[in-house]
PDB file of all heavy atoms in Angstrom:
ATOM      1  N   PHE A   1      66.226 -85.401  50.653  1.00  0.00           N
ATOM      2  CA  PHE A   1      65.608 -84.990  49.404  1.00  0.00           C
ATOM      3  C   PHE A   1      66.582 -84.136  48.580  1.00  0.00           C
ATOM      4  O   PHE A   1      66.989 -83.058  49.012  1.00  0.00           O
ATOM      5  CB  PHE A   1      64.337 -84.182  49.685  1.00  0.00           C
ATOM      6  CG  PHE A   1      63.294 -84.962  50.422  1.00  0.00           C
ATOM      7  CD1 PHE A   1      63.293 -84.994  51.807  1.00  0.00           C
ATOM      8  CD2 PHE A   1      62.323 -85.685  49.746  1.00  0.00           C
ATOM      9  CE1 PHE A   1      62.337 -85.709  52.500  1.00  0.00           C
ATOM     10  CE2 PHE A   1      61.363 -86.401  50.431  1.00  0.00           C
ATOM     11  CZ  PHE A   1      61.368 -86.419  51.806  1.00  0.00           C
ATOM     12  N   ASP A   2      66.970 -84.629  47.416  1.00  0.00           N
ATOM     13  CA  ASP A   2      67.731 -83.863  46.440  1.00  0.00           C
ATOM     14  C   ASP A   2      68.973 -83.239  47.074  1.00  0.00           C
ATOM     15  O   ASP A   2      69.047 -82.025  47.310  1.00  0.00           O
ATOM     16  CB  ASP A   2      66.839 -82.781  45.818  1.00  0.00           C
ATOM     17  CG  ASP A   2      67.505 -82.111  44.615  1.00  0.00           C
ATOM     18  OD1 ASP A   2      68.449 -82.716  44.065  1.00  0.00           O
ATOM     19  OD2 ASP A   2      67.081 -81.007  44.248  1.00  0.00           O
ATOM     20  N   ASP A   3      69.961 -84.077  47.348  1.00  0.00           N
ATOM     21  CA  ASP A   3      71.217 -83.632  47.939  1.00  0.00           C
ATOM     22  C   ASP A   3      71.800 -82.497  47.091  1.00  0.00           C
ATOM     23  O   ASP A   3      72.012 -82.632  45.881  1.00  0.00           O
ATOM     24  CB  ASP A   3      72.189 -84.812  47.985  1.00  0.00           C
ATOM     25  CG  ASP A   3      73.434 -84.507  48.789  1.00  0.00           C
ATOM     26  OD1 ASP A   3      73.835 -83.336  48.861  1.00  0.00           O
ATOM     27  OD2 ASP A   3      74.016 -85.446  49.353  1.00  0.00           O
ATOM     28  N   ASP A   4      72.064 -81.353  47.743  1.00  0.00           N
ATOM     29  CA  ASP A   4      72.583 -80.189  47.027  1.00  0.00           C
ATOM     30  C   ASP A   4      73.966 -80.437  46.438  1.00  0.00           C
ATOM     31  O   ASP A   4      74.363 -79.760  45.478  1.00  0.00           O
ATOM     32  CB  ASP A   4      72.644 -78.978  47.970  1.00  0.00           C
ATOM     33  CG  ASP A   4      71.263 -78.504  48.377  1.00  0.00           C
ATOM     34  OD1 ASP A   4      70.292 -78.865  47.684  1.00  0.00           O
ATOM     35  OD2 ASP A   4      71.159 -77.786  49.387  1.00  0.00           O
ATOM     36  N   LYS A   5      74.717 -81.403  46.981  1.00  0.00           N
ATOM     37  CA  LYS A   5      76.055 -81.686  46.472  1.00  0.00           C
ATOM     38  C   LYS A   5      76.036 -82.704  45.336  1.00  0.00           C
ATOM     39  O   LYS A   5      76.824 -82.599  44.395  1.00  0.00           O
ATOM     40  CB  LYS A   5      76.960 -82.188  47.603  1.00  0.00           C
ATOM     41  CG  LYS A   5      77.416 -81.092  48.554  1.00  0.00           C
ATOM     42  CD  LYS A   5      78.540 -81.587  49.451  1.00  0.00           C
ATOM     43  CE  LYS A   5      79.126 -80.451  50.270  1.00  0.00           C
ATOM     44  NZ  LYS A   5      80.282 -80.887  51.093  1.00  0.00           N
ATOM     45  N   THR A   6      75.170 -83.710  45.421  1.00  0.00           N
ATOM     46  CA  THR A   6      75.152 -84.769  44.407  1.00  0.00           C
ATOM     47  C   THR A   6      73.994 -84.629  43.432  1.00  0.00           C
ATOM     48  O   THR A   6      74.017 -85.246  42.360  1.00  0.00           O
ATOM     49  CB  THR A   6      75.073 -86.142  45.077  1.00  0.00           C
ATOM     50  OG1 THR A   6      73.807 -86.284  45.748  1.00  0.00           O
ATOM     51  CG2 THR A   6      76.201 -86.320  46.087  1.00  0.00           C
ATOM     52  N   GLY A   7      72.947 -83.872  43.808  1.00  0.00           N
ATOM     53  CA  GLY A   7      71.776 -83.737  42.955  1.00  0.00           C
ATOM     54  C   GLY A   7      70.874 -84.951  42.963  1.00  0.00           C
ATOM     55  O   GLY A   7      69.962 -85.067  42.129  1.00  0.00           O
ATOM     56  N   GLU A   8      71.085 -85.895  43.905  1.00  0.00           N
ATOM     57  CA  GLU A   8      70.291 -87.112  43.976  1.00  0.00           C
ATOM     58  C   GLU A   8      69.669 -87.255  45.354  1.00  0.00           C
ATOM     59  O   GLU A   8      70.144 -86.688  46.338  1.00  0.00           O
ATOM     60  CB  GLU A   8      71.166 -88.338  43.675  1.00  0.00           C
ATOM     61  CG  GLU A   8      71.793 -88.339  42.292  1.00  0.00           C
ATOM     62  CD  GLU A   8      72.711 -89.527  42.082  1.00  0.00           C
ATOM     63  OE1 GLU A   8      72.976 -90.244  43.079  1.00  0.00           O
ATOM     64  OE2 GLU A   8      73.152 -89.741  40.944  1.00  0.00           O
ATOM     65  N   ASP A   9      68.583 -88.052  45.415  1.00  0.00           N
ATOM     66  CA  ASP A   9      67.998 -88.401  46.695  1.00  0.00           C
ATOM     67  C   ASP A   9      68.896 -89.424  47.387  1.00  0.00           C
ATOM     68  O   ASP A   9      69.405 -90.350  46.751  1.00  0.00           O
ATOM     69  CB  ASP A   9      66.594 -88.980  46.513  1.00  0.00           C
ATOM     70  CG  ASP A   9      65.610 -87.940  46.003  1.00  0.00           C
ATOM     71  OD1 ASP A   9      65.959 -86.749  46.001  1.00  0.00           O
ATOM     72  OD2 ASP A   9      64.491 -88.329  45.601  1.00  0.00           O
ATOM     73  N   ARG A  10      69.077 -89.274  48.694  1.00  0.00           N
ATOM     74  CA  ARG A  10      69.922 -90.183  49.477  1.00  0.00           C
ATOM     75  C   ARG A  10      69.057 -90.807  50.562  1.00  0.00           C
ATOM     76  O   ARG A  10      68.287 -90.115  51.228  1.00  0.00           O
ATOM     77  CB  ARG A  10      71.089 -89.418  50.124  1.00  0.00           C
ATOM     78  CG  ARG A  10      71.825 -88.445  49.216  1.00  0.00           C
ATOM     79  CD  ARG A  10      72.743 -89.134  48.257  1.00  0.00           C
ATOM     80  NE  ARG A  10      73.802 -89.869  48.927  1.00  0.00           N
ATOM     81  CZ  ARG A  10      74.947 -89.311  49.384  1.00  0.00           C
ATOM     82  NH1 ARG A  10      75.142 -87.991  49.253  1.00  0.00           N
ATOM     83  NH2 ARG A  10      75.874 -90.053  49.948  1.00  0.00           N
ATOM     84  N   TRP A  11      69.205 -92.104  50.783  1.00  0.00           N
ATOM     85  CA  TRP A  11      68.384 -92.763  51.791  1.00  0.00           C
ATOM     86  C   TRP A  11      69.080 -94.005  52.342  1.00  0.00           C
ATOM     87  O   TRP A  11      70.006 -94.545  51.745  1.00  0.00           O
ATOM     88  CB  TRP A  11      67.021 -93.156  51.226  1.00  0.00           C
ATOM     89  CG  TRP A  11      67.066 -93.922  49.929  1.00  0.00           C
ATOM     90  CD1 TRP A  11      66.944 -93.404  48.675  1.00  0.00           C
ATOM     91  CD2 TRP A  11      67.256 -95.328  49.765  1.00  0.00           C
ATOM     92  NE1 TRP A  11      67.053 -94.401  47.732  1.00  0.00           N
ATOM     93  CE2 TRP A  11      67.241 -95.601  48.369  1.00  0.00           C
ATOM     94  CE3 TRP A  11      67.437 -96.389  50.643  1.00  0.00           C
ATOM     95  CZ2 TRP A  11      67.399 -96.890  47.857  1.00  0.00           C
ATOM     96  CZ3 TRP A  11      67.604 -97.675  50.138  1.00  0.00           C
ATOM     97  CH2 TRP A  11      67.571 -97.911  48.759  1.00  0.00           C
ATOM     98  N   HIS A  12      68.602 -94.434  53.506  1.00  0.00           N
ATOM     99  CA  HIS A  12      69.090 -95.639  54.169  1.00  0.00           C
ATOM    100  C   HIS A  12      67.993 -96.162  55.073  1.00  0.00           C
ATOM    101  O   HIS A  12      67.269 -95.382  55.705  1.00  0.00           O
ATOM    102  CB  HIS A  12      70.344 -95.336  55.005  1.00  0.00           C
ATOM    103  CG  HIS A  12      70.714 -96.447  55.949  1.00  0.00           C
ATOM    104  ND1 HIS A  12      70.508 -96.369  57.314  1.00  0.00           N
ATOM    105  CD2 HIS A  12      71.263 -97.665  55.725  1.00  0.00           C
ATOM    106  CE1 HIS A  12      70.921 -97.485  57.883  1.00  0.00           C
ATOM    107  NE2 HIS A  12      71.389 -98.287  56.950  1.00  0.00           N
ATOM    108  N   TYR A  13      67.836 -97.484  55.127  1.00  0.00           N
ATOM    109  CA  TYR A  13      66.892 -98.052  56.086  1.00  0.00           C
ATOM    110  C   TYR A  13      67.439 -99.369  56.626  1.00  0.00           C
ATOM    111  O   TYR A  13      68.206-100.077  55.972  1.00  0.00           O
ATOM    112  CB  TYR A  13      65.499 -98.256  55.484  1.00  0.00           C
ATOM    113  CG  TYR A  13      65.400 -99.261  54.360  1.00  0.00           C
ATOM    114  CD1 TYR A  13      65.283-100.629  54.605  1.00  0.00           C
ATOM    115  CD2 TYR A  13      65.412 -98.840  53.024  1.00  0.00           C
ATOM    116  CE1 TYR A  13      65.176-101.542  53.578  1.00  0.00           C
ATOM    117  CE2 TYR A  13      65.306 -99.751  51.995  1.00  0.00           C
ATOM    118  CZ  TYR A  13      65.191-101.097  52.276  1.00  0.00           C
ATOM    119  OH  TYR A  13      65.092-102.005  51.246  1.00  0.00           O
ATOM    120  N   LEU A  14      67.039 -99.660  57.851  1.00  0.00           N
ATOM    121  CA  LEU A  14      67.422-100.893  58.542  1.00  0.00           C
ATOM    122  C   LEU A  14      66.214-101.371  59.329  1.00  0.00           C
ATOM    123  O   LEU A  14      65.723-100.669  60.218  1.00  0.00           O
ATOM    124  CB  LEU A  14      68.606-100.650  59.475  1.00  0.00           C
ATOM    125  CG  LEU A  14      68.981-101.792  60.432  1.00  0.00           C
ATOM    126  CD1 LEU A  14      69.368-103.037  59.648  1.00  0.00           C
ATOM    127  CD2 LEU A  14      70.107-101.370  61.363  1.00  0.00           C
ATOM    128  N   ALA A  15      65.732-102.561  59.003  1.00  0.00           N
ATOM    129  CA  ALA A  15      64.604-103.172  59.700  1.00  0.00           C
ATOM    130  C   ALA A  15      65.097-104.433  60.397  1.00  0.00           C
ATOM    131  O   ALA A  15      65.774-105.268  59.786  1.00  0.00           O
ATOM    132  CB  ALA A  15      63.483-103.500  58.720  1.00  0.00           C
ATOM    133  N   ARG A  16      64.749-104.569  61.675  1.00  0.00           N
ATOM    134  CA  ARG A  16      65.135-105.744  62.452  1.00  0.00           C
ATOM    135  C   ARG A  16      63.922-106.267  63.203  1.00  0.00           C
ATOM    136  O   ARG A  16      63.128-105.491  63.731  1.00  0.00           O
ATOM    137  CB  ARG A  16      66.233-105.394  63.452  1.00  0.00           C
ATOM    138  CG  ARG A  16      67.569-105.026  62.834  1.00  0.00           C
ATOM    139  CD  ARG A  16      68.453-104.306  63.820  1.00  0.00           C
ATOM    140  NE  ARG A  16      67.941-102.972  64.111  1.00  0.00           N
ATOM    141  CZ  ARG A  16      68.375-102.208  65.103  1.00  0.00           C
ATOM    142  NH1 ARG A  16      69.319-102.647  65.908  1.00  0.00           N
ATOM    143  NH2 ARG A  16      67.876-101.008  65.299  1.00  0.00           N
ATOM    144  N   ALA A  17      63.797-107.589  63.250  1.00  0.00           N
ATOM    145  CA  ALA A  17      62.679-108.201  63.957  1.00  0.00           C
ATOM    146  C   ALA A  17      63.101-109.561  64.480  1.00  0.00           C
ATOM    147  O   ALA A  17      63.951-110.239  63.885  1.00  0.00           O
ATOM    148  CB  ALA A  17      61.462-108.343  63.035  1.00  0.00           C
ATOM    149  N   SER A  18      62.524-109.956  65.607  1.00  0.00           N
ATOM    150  CA  SER A  18      62.753-111.284  66.164  1.00  0.00           C
ATOM    151  C   SER A  18      61.466-111.782  66.783  1.00  0.00           C
ATOM    152  O   SER A  18      60.618-110.989  67.212  1.00  0.00           O
ATOM    153  CB  SER A  18      63.878-111.264  67.207  1.00  0.00           C
ATOM    154  OG  SER A  18      63.511-110.458  68.314  1.00  0.00           O
ATOM    155  N   ALA A  19      61.317-113.102  66.825  1.00  0.00           N
ATOM    156  CA  ALA A  19      60.108-113.706  67.373  1.00  0.00           C
ATOM    157  C   ALA A  19      60.484-115.002  68.075  1.00  0.00           C
ATOM    158  O   ALA A  19      61.341-115.756  67.590  1.00  0.00           O
ATOM    159  CB  ALA A  19      59.086-113.969  66.269  1.00  0.00           C
ATOM    160  N   ALA A  20      59.862-115.258  69.210  1.00  0.00           N
ATOM    161  CA  ALA A  20      60.039-116.509  69.951  1.00  0.00           C
ATOM    162  C   ALA A  20      58.778-117.340  69.756  1.00  0.00           C
ATOM    163  O   ALA A  20      57.741-117.050  70.357  1.00  0.00           O
ATOM    164  CB  ALA A  20      60.294-116.224  71.429  1.00  0.00           C
ATOM    165  N   PHE A  21      58.863-118.349  68.893  1.00  0.00           N
ATOM    166  CA  PHE A  21      57.696-119.186  68.631  1.00  0.00           C
ATOM    167  C   PHE A  21      57.425-120.139  69.790  1.00  0.00           C
ATOM    168  O   PHE A  21      56.277-120.494  70.062  1.00  0.00           O
ATOM    169  CB  PHE A  21      57.906-119.981  67.339  1.00  0.00           C
ATOM    170  CG  PHE A  21      58.280-119.121  66.168  1.00  0.00           C
ATOM    171  CD1 PHE A  21      59.488-119.296  65.519  1.00  0.00           C
ATOM    172  CD2 PHE A  21      57.439-118.110  65.720  1.00  0.00           C
ATOM    173  CE1 PHE A  21      59.850-118.507  64.445  1.00  0.00           C
ATOM    174  CE2 PHE A  21      57.797-117.309  64.647  1.00  0.00           C
ATOM    175  CZ  PHE A  21      59.002-117.513  64.006  1.00  0.00           C
ATOM    176  N   SER A  22      58.487-120.561  70.455  1.00  0.00           N
ATOM    177  CA  SER A  22      58.400-121.466  71.601  1.00  0.00           C
ATOM    178  C   SER A  22      59.734-121.381  72.326  1.00  0.00           C
ATOM    179  O   SER A  22      60.670-120.730  71.840  1.00  0.00           O
ATOM    180  CB  SER A  22      58.116-122.895  71.135  1.00  0.00           C
ATOM    181  OG  SER A  22      59.245-123.437  70.475  1.00  0.00           O
ATOM    182  N   PRO A  23      59.882-122.046  73.486  1.00  0.00           N
ATOM    183  CA  PRO A  23      61.191-122.013  74.150  1.00  0.00           C
ATOM    184  C   PRO A  23      62.326-122.554  73.292  1.00  0.00           C
ATOM    185  O   PRO A  23      63.480-122.189  73.494  1.00  0.00           O
ATOM    186  CB  PRO A  23      60.963-122.887  75.397  1.00  0.00           C
ATOM    187  CG  PRO A  23      59.500-122.766  75.672  1.00  0.00           C
ATOM    188  CD  PRO A  23      58.843-122.672  74.328  1.00  0.00           C
ATOM    189  N   ALA A  24      62.026-123.410  72.311  1.00  0.00           N
ATOM    190  CA  ALA A  24      63.075-124.029  71.507  1.00  0.00           C
ATOM    191  C   ALA A  24      63.269-123.378  70.147  1.00  0.00           C
ATOM    192  O   ALA A  24      64.287-123.604  69.498  1.00  0.00           O
ATOM    193  CB  ALA A  24      62.784-125.517  71.310  1.00  0.00           C
ATOM    194  N   TRP A  25      62.321-122.572  69.688  1.00  0.00           N
ATOM    195  CA  TRP A  25      62.377-122.045  68.321  1.00  0.00           C
ATOM    196  C   TRP A  25      62.273-120.534  68.306  1.00  0.00           C
ATOM    197  O   TRP A  25      61.444-119.949  69.012  1.00  0.00           O
ATOM    198  CB  TRP A  25      61.242-122.644  67.477  1.00  0.00           C
ATOM    199  CG  TRP A  25      61.429-124.104  67.206  1.00  0.00           C
ATOM    200  CD1 TRP A  25      60.964-125.142  67.961  1.00  0.00           C
ATOM    201  CD2 TRP A  25      62.163-124.667  66.128  1.00  0.00           C
ATOM    202  NE1 TRP A  25      61.351-126.335  67.418  1.00  0.00           N
ATOM    203  CE2 TRP A  25      62.092-126.076  66.276  1.00  0.00           C
ATOM    204  CE3 TRP A  25      62.862-124.144  65.046  1.00  0.00           C
ATOM    205  CZ2 TRP A  25      62.698-126.952  65.388  1.00  0.00           C
ATOM    206  CZ3 TRP A  25      63.464-125.014  64.153  1.00  0.00           C
ATOM    207  CH2 TRP A  25      63.382-126.405  64.333  1.00  0.00           C
ATOM    208  N   ARG A  26      63.139-119.906  67.493  1.00  0.00           N
ATOM    209  CA  ARG A  26      63.150-118.458  67.333  1.00  0.00           C
ATOM    210  C   ARG A  26      63.287-118.100  65.864  1.00  0.00           C
ATOM    211  O   ARG A  26      63.864-118.867  65.077  1.00  0.00           O
ATOM    212  CB  ARG A  26      64.310-117.809  68.114  1.00  0.00           C
ATOM    213  CG  ARG A  26      64.225-117.924  69.610  1.00  0.00           C
ATOM    214  CD  ARG A  26      65.316-117.101  70.264  1.00  0.00           C
ATOM    215  NE  ARG A  26      65.181-115.694  69.954  1.00  0.00           N
ATOM    216  CZ  ARG A  26      64.435-114.848  70.659  1.00  0.00           C
ATOM    217  NH1 ARG A  26      63.766-115.278  71.714  1.00  0.00           N
ATOM    218  NH2 ARG A  26      64.374-113.581  70.336  1.00  0.00           N
ATOM    219  N   GLY A  27      62.792-116.923  65.522  1.00  0.00           N
ATOM    220  CA  GLY A  27      62.954-116.392  64.178  1.00  0.00           C
ATOM    221  C   GLY A  27      63.568-115.008  64.234  1.00  0.00           C
ATOM    222  O   GLY A  27      63.302-114.237  65.169  1.00  0.00           O
ATOM    223  N   ARG A  28      64.392-114.689  63.242  1.00  0.00           N
ATOM    224  CA  ARG A  28      65.040-113.375  63.183  1.00  0.00           C
ATOM    225  C   ARG A  28      65.029-112.860  61.753  1.00  0.00           C
ATOM    226  O   ARG A  28      65.072-113.647  60.801  1.00  0.00           O
ATOM    227  CB  ARG A  28      66.483-113.443  63.690  1.00  0.00           C
ATOM    228  CG  ARG A  28      66.619-113.789  65.165  1.00  0.00           C
ATOM    229  CD  ARG A  28      68.083-113.831  65.575  1.00  0.00           C
ATOM    230  NE  ARG A  28      68.258-114.067  66.992  1.00  0.00           N
ATOM    231  CZ  ARG A  28      68.303-115.262  67.548  1.00  0.00           C
ATOM    232  NH1 ARG A  28      68.175-116.347  66.798  1.00  0.00           N
ATOM    233  NH2 ARG A  28      68.474-115.396  68.853  1.00  0.00           N
ATOM    234  N   MET A  29      65.003-111.534  61.631  1.00  0.00           N
ATOM    235  CA  MET A  29      65.027-110.898  60.319  1.00  0.00           C
ATOM    236  C   MET A  29      65.818-109.613  60.396  1.00  0.00           C
ATOM    237  O   MET A  29      65.718-108.863  61.370  1.00  0.00           O
ATOM    238  CB  MET A  29      63.596-110.616  59.840  1.00  0.00           C
ATOM    239  CG  MET A  29      63.506-110.057  58.417  1.00  0.00           C
ATOM    240  SD  MET A  29      63.735-108.245  58.342  1.00  0.00           S
ATOM    241  CE  MET A  29      62.233-107.669  59.116  1.00  0.00           C
ATOM    242  N   ARG A  30      66.609-109.353  59.361  1.00  0.00           N
ATOM    243  CA  ARG A  30      67.354-108.093  59.249  1.00  0.00           C
ATOM    244  C   ARG A  30      67.379-107.708  57.781  1.00  0.00           C
ATOM    245  O   ARG A  30      67.770-108.514  56.923  1.00  0.00           O
ATOM    246  CB  ARG A  30      68.786-108.250  59.776  1.00  0.00           C
ATOM    247  CG  ARG A  30      69.644-106.993  59.598  1.00  0.00           C
ATOM    248  CD  ARG A  30      71.091-107.270  59.948  1.00  0.00           C
ATOM    249  NE  ARG A  30      71.936-106.110  59.692  1.00  0.00           N
ATOM    250  CZ  ARG A  30      72.238-105.184  60.586  1.00  0.00           C
ATOM    251  NH1 ARG A  30      71.751-105.278  61.804  1.00  0.00           N
ATOM    252  NH2 ARG A  30      73.021-104.169  60.265  1.00  0.00           N
ATOM    253  N   LEU A  31      66.964-106.471  57.501  1.00  0.00           N
ATOM    254  CA  LEU A  31      66.945-105.972  56.127  1.00  0.00           C
ATOM    255  C   LEU A  31      67.561-104.583  56.132  1.00  0.00           C
ATOM    256  O   LEU A  31      67.053-103.676  56.800  1.00  0.00           O
ATOM    257  CB  LEU A  31      65.515-105.927  55.588  1.00  0.00           C
ATOM    258  CG  LEU A  31      65.342-105.387  54.163  1.00  0.00           C
ATOM    259  CD1 LEU A  31      66.075-106.266  53.164  1.00  0.00           C
ATOM    260  CD2 LEU A  31      63.859-105.289  53.812  1.00  0.00           C
ATOM    261  N   GLU A  32      68.667-104.400  55.380  1.00  0.00           N
ATOM    262  CA  GLU A  32      69.361-103.116  55.338  1.00  0.00           C
ATOM    263  C   GLU A  32      69.728-102.781  53.906  1.00  0.00           C
ATOM    264  O   GLU A  32      70.282-103.610  53.177  1.00  0.00           O
ATOM    265  CB  GLU A  32      70.616-103.141  56.207  1.00  0.00           C
ATOM    266  CG  GLU A  32      71.304-101.787  56.308  1.00  0.00           C
ATOM    267  CD  GLU A  32      72.464-101.768  57.279  1.00  0.00           C
ATOM    268  OE1 GLU A  32      72.945-102.852  57.648  1.00  0.00           O
ATOM    269  OE2 GLU A  32      72.881-100.666  57.670  1.00  0.00           O
ATOM    270  N   ARG A  33      69.426-101.567  53.503  1.00  0.00           N
ATOM    271  CA  ARG A  33      69.755-101.091  52.170  1.00  0.00           C
ATOM    272  C   ARG A  33      70.108 -99.603  52.247  1.00  0.00           C
ATOM    273  O   ARG A  33      69.687 -98.886  53.164  1.00  0.00           O
ATOM    274  CB  ARG A  33      68.592-101.300  51.201  1.00  0.00           C
ATOM    275  CG  ARG A  33      68.374-102.754  50.791  1.00  0.00           C
ATOM    276  CD  ARG A  33      69.524-103.241  49.924  1.00  0.00           C
ATOM    277  NE  ARG A  33      69.335-104.604  49.446  1.00  0.00           N
ATOM    278  CZ  ARG A  33      69.759-105.684  50.077  1.00  0.00           C
ATOM    279  NH1 ARG A  33      70.364-105.561  51.249  1.00  0.00           N
ATOM    280  NH2 ARG A  33      69.595-106.880  49.545  1.00  0.00           N
TER     281      ARG A  33
END
């Protein structure tokens, strides 16, 4: 919250997920900002 050096809010997030729909099929997700 309100970096004393820059005067701005600073943030980072990373979301990761995976799913096994069946032995042959998988899903993956990655979101980073």
